[in-house]
Amino acid sequence: MKKLITIAALILIISFNSQAQETKLAKPASFSWSQKTMDYLGLPQEQQQKITALKKEYEPKIKAVQSDTALTEEEKKQKVKELYAVRNAQIDKLLTKEEKQKVKEMKQKMKEQNSDK
């Protein structure tokens, strides 16, 4: 009886441990124009406000595409990708050469970290 209880407890512990490990798998890091990113880049307040305004301008457009039931998932992905590309091109125009280089380095670093996982 003790062996049975011990074995059952051991199985329970092993299964719980494996579930805990599965939940620890993190989503790959991706670049975003968060406040943290803008602070890290040392962007002046005026630049941050313009970037934030662009994000707010495109947010409803992106959500509208994502909730459009007339589009297939592939079409949604493509349209959202296009919206991000236009928005990011506008943001890029606001950045100095040095800031663009920092962004490029951040993206490269994230890409490397994601490939290590």
N, C-alpha and C. Protein backbone atom coordinates (compact mmCIF):
# COMPACT_ATOMS: atom_id res chain seq x y z
N MET A 1 0.83 -1.19 0.00
CA MET A 1 0.00 0.00 0.00
C MET A 1 0.88 1.26 0.00
N LYS A 2 1.96 1.23 0.81
CA LYS A 2 2.86 2.38 0.86
C LYS A 2 3.54 2.59 -0.49
N LYS A 3 3.89 1.48 -1.16
CA LYS A 3 4.53 1.58 -2.47
C LYS A 3 3.57 2.22 -3.47
N LEU A 4 2.31 1.83 -3.41
CA LEU A 4 1.31 2.37 -4.32
C LEU A 4 1.14 3.87 -4.13
N ILE A 5 1.07 4.29 -2.89
CA ILE A 5 0.93 5.71 -2.57
C ILE A 5 2.19 6.47 -3.00
N THR A 6 3.35 5.90 -2.76
CA THR A 6 4.61 6.52 -3.15
C THR A 6 4.69 6.67 -4.68
N ILE A 7 4.32 5.61 -5.38
CA ILE A 7 4.35 5.65 -6.85
C ILE A 7 3.35 6.69 -7.37
N ALA A 8 2.17 6.73 -6.82
CA ALA A 8 1.15 7.70 -7.24
C ALA A 8 1.63 9.12 -6.98
N ALA A 9 2.25 9.34 -5.82
CA ALA A 9 2.76 10.67 -5.50
C ALA A 9 3.88 11.05 -6.45
N LEU A 10 4.75 10.10 -6.76
CA LEU A 10 5.86 10.35 -7.68
C LEU A 10 5.34 10.70 -9.08
N ILE A 11 4.36 9.99 -9.55
CA ILE A 11 3.76 10.27 -10.86
C ILE A 11 3.13 11.66 -10.87
N LEU A 12 2.44 11.97 -9.79
CA LEU A 12 1.80 13.28 -9.68
C LEU A 12 2.85 14.40 -9.71
N ILE A 13 3.93 14.23 -8.99
CA ILE A 13 5.00 15.23 -8.95
C ILE A 13 5.64 15.40 -10.32
N ILE A 14 5.92 14.30 -10.98
CA ILE A 14 6.54 14.35 -12.31
C ILE A 14 5.62 15.04 -13.31
N SER A 15 4.34 14.70 -13.30
CA SER A 15 3.42 15.32 -14.26
C SER A 15 3.25 16.81 -13.97
N PHE A 16 3.20 17.18 -12.70
CA PHE A 16 3.09 18.60 -12.34
C PHE A 16 4.34 19.35 -12.78
N ASN A 17 5.50 18.75 -12.57
CA ASN A 17 6.76 19.38 -12.94
C ASN A 17 6.84 19.59 -14.45
N SER A 18 6.41 18.62 -15.23
CA SER A 18 6.48 18.76 -16.68
C SER A 18 5.51 19.83 -17.17
N GLN A 19 4.35 19.96 -16.53
CA GLN A 19 3.41 21.02 -16.89
C GLN A 19 4.00 22.38 -16.54
N ALA A 20 4.66 22.49 -15.42
CA ALA A 20 5.27 23.75 -15.01
C ALA A 20 6.36 24.16 -16.00
N GLN A 21 7.12 23.20 -16.50
CA GLN A 21 8.16 23.51 -17.47
C GLN A 21 7.56 23.99 -18.78
N GLU A 22 6.45 23.41 -19.20
CA GLU A 22 5.80 23.81 -20.44
C GLU A 22 5.31 25.25 -20.35
N THR A 23 4.80 25.67 -19.22
CA THR A 23 4.29 27.02 -19.09
C THR A 23 5.40 28.04 -19.01
N LYS A 24 6.61 27.63 -18.73
CA LYS A 24 7.74 28.55 -18.64
C LYS A 24 8.26 28.95 -20.02
N LEU A 25 7.84 28.23 -21.06
CA LEU A 25 8.31 28.57 -22.39
C LEU A 25 7.79 29.95 -22.76
N ALA A 26 8.70 30.85 -22.99
CA ALA A 26 8.34 32.23 -23.25
C ALA A 26 8.08 32.45 -24.74
N LYS A 27 7.26 33.42 -24.98
CA LYS A 27 7.00 33.85 -26.34
C LYS A 27 8.28 34.54 -26.84
N PRO A 28 8.64 34.34 -28.08
CA PRO A 28 9.83 35.00 -28.59
C PRO A 28 9.71 36.52 -28.46
N ALA A 29 10.81 37.14 -28.12
CA ALA A 29 10.82 38.59 -27.98
C ALA A 29 10.65 39.22 -29.35
N SER A 30 9.88 40.27 -29.40
CA SER A 30 9.72 41.00 -30.65
C SER A 30 9.79 42.49 -30.36
N PHE A 31 10.20 43.23 -31.35
CA PHE A 31 10.37 44.67 -31.19
C PHE A 31 9.01 45.35 -31.18
N SER A 32 8.85 46.31 -30.30
CA SER A 32 7.64 47.12 -30.29
C SER A 32 8.01 48.54 -29.86
N TRP A 33 7.19 49.46 -30.26
CA TRP A 33 7.42 50.86 -29.89
C TRP A 33 6.75 51.15 -28.55
N SER A 34 7.21 50.46 -27.52
CA SER A 34 6.69 50.68 -26.17
C SER A 34 7.39 51.88 -25.54
N GLN A 35 6.84 52.32 -24.44
CA GLN A 35 7.45 53.44 -23.70
C GLN A 35 8.87 53.06 -23.28
N LYS A 36 9.03 51.81 -22.87
CA LYS A 36 10.34 51.33 -22.44
C LYS A 36 11.36 51.43 -23.59
N THR A 37 10.93 51.06 -24.78
CA THR A 37 11.81 51.13 -25.95
C THR A 37 12.19 52.58 -26.24
N MET A 38 11.21 53.46 -26.22
CA MET A 38 11.49 54.87 -26.52
C MET A 38 12.40 55.49 -25.47
N ASP A 39 12.20 55.10 -24.20
CA ASP A 39 13.09 55.58 -23.13
C ASP A 39 14.51 55.06 -23.33
N TYR A 40 14.62 53.78 -23.68
CA TYR A 40 15.93 53.17 -23.91
C TYR A 40 16.67 53.90 -25.04
N LEU A 41 15.94 54.24 -26.08
CA LEU A 41 16.54 54.94 -27.21
C LEU A 41 16.87 56.39 -26.88
N GLY A 42 16.32 56.88 -25.78
CA GLY A 42 16.58 58.26 -25.37
C GLY A 42 15.88 59.27 -26.26
N LEU A 43 14.70 58.91 -26.75
CA LEU A 43 13.97 59.81 -27.64
C LEU A 43 13.42 61.01 -26.86
N PRO A 44 13.53 62.19 -27.44
CA PRO A 44 12.96 63.38 -26.80
C PRO A 44 11.43 63.24 -26.68
N GLN A 45 10.86 63.98 -25.76
CA GLN A 45 9.42 63.91 -25.49
C GLN A 45 8.59 64.17 -26.76
N GLU A 46 9.00 65.14 -27.56
CA GLU A 46 8.25 65.48 -28.77
C GLU A 46 8.20 64.28 -29.74
N GLN A 47 9.33 63.61 -29.89
CA GLN A 47 9.39 62.43 -30.76
C GLN A 47 8.50 61.31 -30.22
N GLN A 48 8.57 61.12 -28.90
CA GLN A 48 7.75 60.07 -28.27
C GLN A 48 6.27 60.34 -28.49
N GLN A 49 5.88 61.60 -28.39
CA GLN A 49 4.47 61.96 -28.58
C GLN A 49 4.03 61.68 -30.01
N LYS A 50 4.89 61.97 -30.98
CA LYS A 50 4.55 61.72 -32.39
C LYS A 50 4.43 60.22 -32.65
N ILE A 51 5.34 59.44 -32.08
CA ILE A 51 5.28 57.98 -32.25
C ILE A 51 4.03 57.41 -31.59
N THR A 52 3.74 57.88 -30.40
CA THR A 52 2.54 57.43 -29.69
C THR A 52 1.28 57.79 -30.48
N ALA A 53 1.27 58.97 -31.09
CA ALA A 53 0.12 59.38 -31.90
C ALA A 53 -0.04 58.45 -33.11
N LEU A 54 1.07 58.09 -33.75
CA LEU A 54 1.00 57.16 -34.88
C LEU A 54 0.48 55.79 -34.43
N LYS A 55 0.95 55.32 -33.28
CA LYS A 55 0.47 54.04 -32.76
C LYS A 55 -1.03 54.09 -32.54
N LYS A 56 -1.51 55.19 -31.94
CA LYS A 56 -2.94 55.33 -31.67
C LYS A 56 -3.74 55.46 -32.95
N GLU A 57 -3.16 56.08 -33.97
CA GLU A 57 -3.84 56.23 -35.26
C GLU A 57 -4.03 54.87 -35.94
N TYR A 58 -3.03 54.01 -35.85
CA TYR A 58 -3.08 52.73 -36.55
C TYR A 58 -3.75 51.62 -35.75
N GLU A 59 -3.84 51.78 -34.44
CA GLU A 59 -4.44 50.74 -33.60
C GLU A 59 -5.86 50.36 -34.04
N PRO A 60 -6.76 51.33 -34.24
CA PRO A 60 -8.12 50.94 -34.66
C PRO A 60 -8.14 50.34 -36.07
N LYS A 61 -7.25 50.78 -36.94
CA LYS A 61 -7.19 50.22 -38.29
C LYS A 61 -6.78 48.75 -38.23
N ILE A 62 -5.80 48.45 -37.40
CA ILE A 62 -5.33 47.07 -37.25
C ILE A 62 -6.41 46.19 -36.63
N LYS A 63 -7.07 46.70 -35.60
CA LYS A 63 -8.14 45.94 -34.96
C LYS A 63 -9.30 45.69 -35.92
N ALA A 64 -9.59 46.67 -36.77
CA ALA A 64 -10.68 46.51 -37.74
C ALA A 64 -10.36 45.38 -38.71
N VAL A 65 -9.12 45.33 -39.16
CA VAL A 65 -8.71 44.24 -40.07
C VAL A 65 -8.80 42.90 -39.35
N GLN A 66 -8.30 42.85 -38.13
CA GLN A 66 -8.29 41.59 -37.39
C GLN A 66 -9.69 41.07 -37.10
N SER A 67 -10.65 41.95 -37.00
CA SER A 67 -12.01 41.50 -36.70
C SER A 67 -12.89 41.41 -37.94
N ASP A 68 -12.33 41.67 -39.10
CA ASP A 68 -13.09 41.60 -40.35
C ASP A 68 -13.35 40.14 -40.72
N THR A 69 -14.59 39.73 -40.61
CA THR A 69 -14.94 38.32 -40.87
C THR A 69 -14.96 37.98 -42.36
N ALA A 70 -14.92 38.98 -43.22
CA ALA A 70 -14.92 38.74 -44.66
C ALA A 70 -13.54 38.32 -45.16
N LEU A 71 -12.52 38.53 -44.34
CA LEU A 71 -11.15 38.20 -44.73
C LEU A 71 -10.73 36.84 -44.17
N THR A 72 -9.89 36.15 -44.93
CA THR A 72 -9.31 34.91 -44.42
C THR A 72 -8.20 35.28 -43.45
N GLU A 73 -7.74 34.30 -42.68
CA GLU A 73 -6.65 34.56 -41.73
C GLU A 73 -5.41 35.05 -42.46
N GLU A 74 -5.14 34.47 -43.61
CA GLU A 74 -3.97 34.87 -44.40
C GLU A 74 -4.10 36.32 -44.89
N GLU A 75 -5.29 36.69 -45.33
CA GLU A 75 -5.53 38.07 -45.78
C GLU A 75 -5.39 39.06 -44.62
N LYS A 76 -5.89 38.65 -43.46
CA LYS A 76 -5.75 39.50 -42.27
C LYS A 76 -4.29 39.73 -41.94
N LYS A 77 -3.51 38.64 -41.93
CA LYS A 77 -2.08 38.76 -41.63
C LYS A 77 -1.40 39.70 -42.61
N GLN A 78 -1.73 39.56 -43.89
CA GLN A 78 -1.10 40.38 -44.92
C GLN A 78 -1.47 41.85 -44.76
N LYS A 79 -2.74 42.14 -44.52
CA LYS A 79 -3.18 43.52 -44.37
C LYS A 79 -2.60 44.17 -43.11
N VAL A 80 -2.55 43.40 -42.03
CA VAL A 80 -1.96 43.92 -40.79
C VAL A 80 -0.47 44.20 -41.00
N LYS A 81 0.19 43.29 -41.69
CA LYS A 81 1.61 43.48 -42.00
C LYS A 81 1.82 44.76 -42.81
N GLU A 82 0.95 45.00 -43.77
CA GLU A 82 1.04 46.21 -44.59
C GLU A 82 0.82 47.46 -43.74
N LEU A 83 -0.16 47.42 -42.84
CA LEU A 83 -0.42 48.57 -41.97
C LEU A 83 0.79 48.86 -41.09
N TYR A 84 1.38 47.80 -40.52
CA TYR A 84 2.57 48.00 -39.70
C TYR A 84 3.72 48.57 -40.52
N ALA A 85 3.85 48.13 -41.76
CA ALA A 85 4.92 48.62 -42.61
C ALA A 85 4.77 50.12 -42.88
N VAL A 86 3.54 50.55 -43.16
CA VAL A 86 3.29 51.97 -43.41
C VAL A 86 3.55 52.77 -42.13
N ARG A 87 3.03 52.28 -41.02
CA ARG A 87 3.23 52.98 -39.75
C ARG A 87 4.71 53.07 -39.41
N ASN A 88 5.42 51.96 -39.56
CA ASN A 88 6.84 51.95 -39.22
C ASN A 88 7.66 52.84 -40.15
N ALA A 89 7.24 52.96 -41.40
CA ALA A 89 7.93 53.87 -42.33
C ALA A 89 7.74 55.31 -41.87
N GLN A 90 6.55 55.62 -41.36
CA GLN A 90 6.31 56.97 -40.85
C GLN A 90 7.12 57.23 -39.58
N ILE A 91 7.22 56.23 -38.73
CA ILE A 91 8.03 56.36 -37.52
C ILE A 91 9.49 56.53 -37.89
N ASP A 92 9.92 55.77 -38.88
CA ASP A 92 11.32 55.83 -39.33
C ASP A 92 11.71 57.24 -39.76
N LYS A 93 10.78 57.95 -40.36
CA LYS A 93 11.04 59.33 -40.80
C LYS A 93 11.29 60.27 -39.62
N LEU A 94 10.81 59.89 -38.45
CA LEU A 94 10.97 60.73 -37.26
C LEU A 94 12.32 60.52 -36.57
N LEU A 95 13.02 59.45 -36.94
CA LEU A 95 14.25 59.07 -36.24
C LEU A 95 15.49 59.64 -36.91
N THR A 96 16.48 59.92 -36.08
CA THR A 96 17.78 60.33 -36.61
C THR A 96 18.53 59.09 -37.08
N LYS A 97 19.62 59.32 -37.75
CA LYS A 97 20.44 58.21 -38.24
C LYS A 97 20.92 57.34 -37.07
N GLU A 98 21.33 57.97 -35.98
CA GLU A 98 21.82 57.25 -34.81
C GLU A 98 20.71 56.42 -34.16
N GLU A 99 19.53 57.01 -34.08
CA GLU A 99 18.39 56.29 -33.48
C GLU A 99 18.00 55.09 -34.34
N LYS A 100 18.04 55.29 -35.66
CA LYS A 100 17.75 54.17 -36.57
C LYS A 100 18.75 53.04 -36.37
N GLN A 101 20.01 53.39 -36.15
CA GLN A 101 21.04 52.38 -35.92
C GLN A 101 20.78 51.63 -34.62
N LYS A 102 20.39 52.35 -33.57
CA LYS A 102 20.07 51.71 -32.29
C LYS A 102 18.90 50.74 -32.44
N VAL A 103 17.88 51.15 -33.19
CA VAL A 103 16.71 50.29 -33.42
C VAL A 103 17.16 49.03 -34.16
N LYS A 104 17.99 49.22 -35.18
CA LYS A 104 18.48 48.08 -35.95
C LYS A 104 19.24 47.11 -35.05
N GLU A 105 20.07 47.64 -34.16
CA GLU A 105 20.84 46.80 -33.23
C GLU A 105 19.91 46.06 -32.26
N MET A 106 18.88 46.76 -31.77
CA MET A 106 17.92 46.12 -30.86
C MET A 106 17.22 44.96 -31.55
N LYS A 107 16.78 45.19 -32.78
CA LYS A 107 16.08 44.15 -33.53
C LYS A 107 17.00 42.96 -33.79
N GLN A 108 18.25 43.25 -34.12
CA GLN A 108 19.21 42.17 -34.38
C GLN A 108 19.46 41.36 -33.11
N LYS A 109 19.59 42.05 -31.99
CA LYS A 109 19.81 41.37 -30.71
C LYS A 109 18.62 40.47 -30.36
N MET A 110 17.42 40.96 -30.59
CA MET A 110 16.22 40.16 -30.31
C MET A 110 16.16 38.94 -31.23
N LYS A 111 16.53 39.14 -32.48
CA LYS A 111 16.54 38.04 -33.44
C LYS A 111 17.52 36.96 -33.01
N GLU A 112 18.69 37.37 -32.55
CA GLU A 112 19.69 36.42 -32.07
C GLU A 112 19.20 35.68 -30.84
N GLN A 113 18.57 36.41 -29.91
CA GLN A 113 18.06 35.78 -28.69
C GLN A 113 16.97 34.77 -29.03
N ASN A 114 16.13 35.09 -29.99
CA ASN A 114 15.06 34.18 -30.39
C ASN A 114 15.60 32.94 -31.07
N SER A 115 16.70 33.08 -31.81
CA SER A 115 17.27 31.92 -32.48
C SER A 115 18.01 31.01 -31.51
N ASP A 116 18.41 31.55 -30.36
CA ASP A 116 19.09 30.74 -29.34
C ASP A 116 18.11 29.84 -28.59
N LYS A 117 16.83 30.14 -28.64
CA LYS A 117 15.84 29.37 -27.86
C LYS A 117 15.46 28.11 -28.55
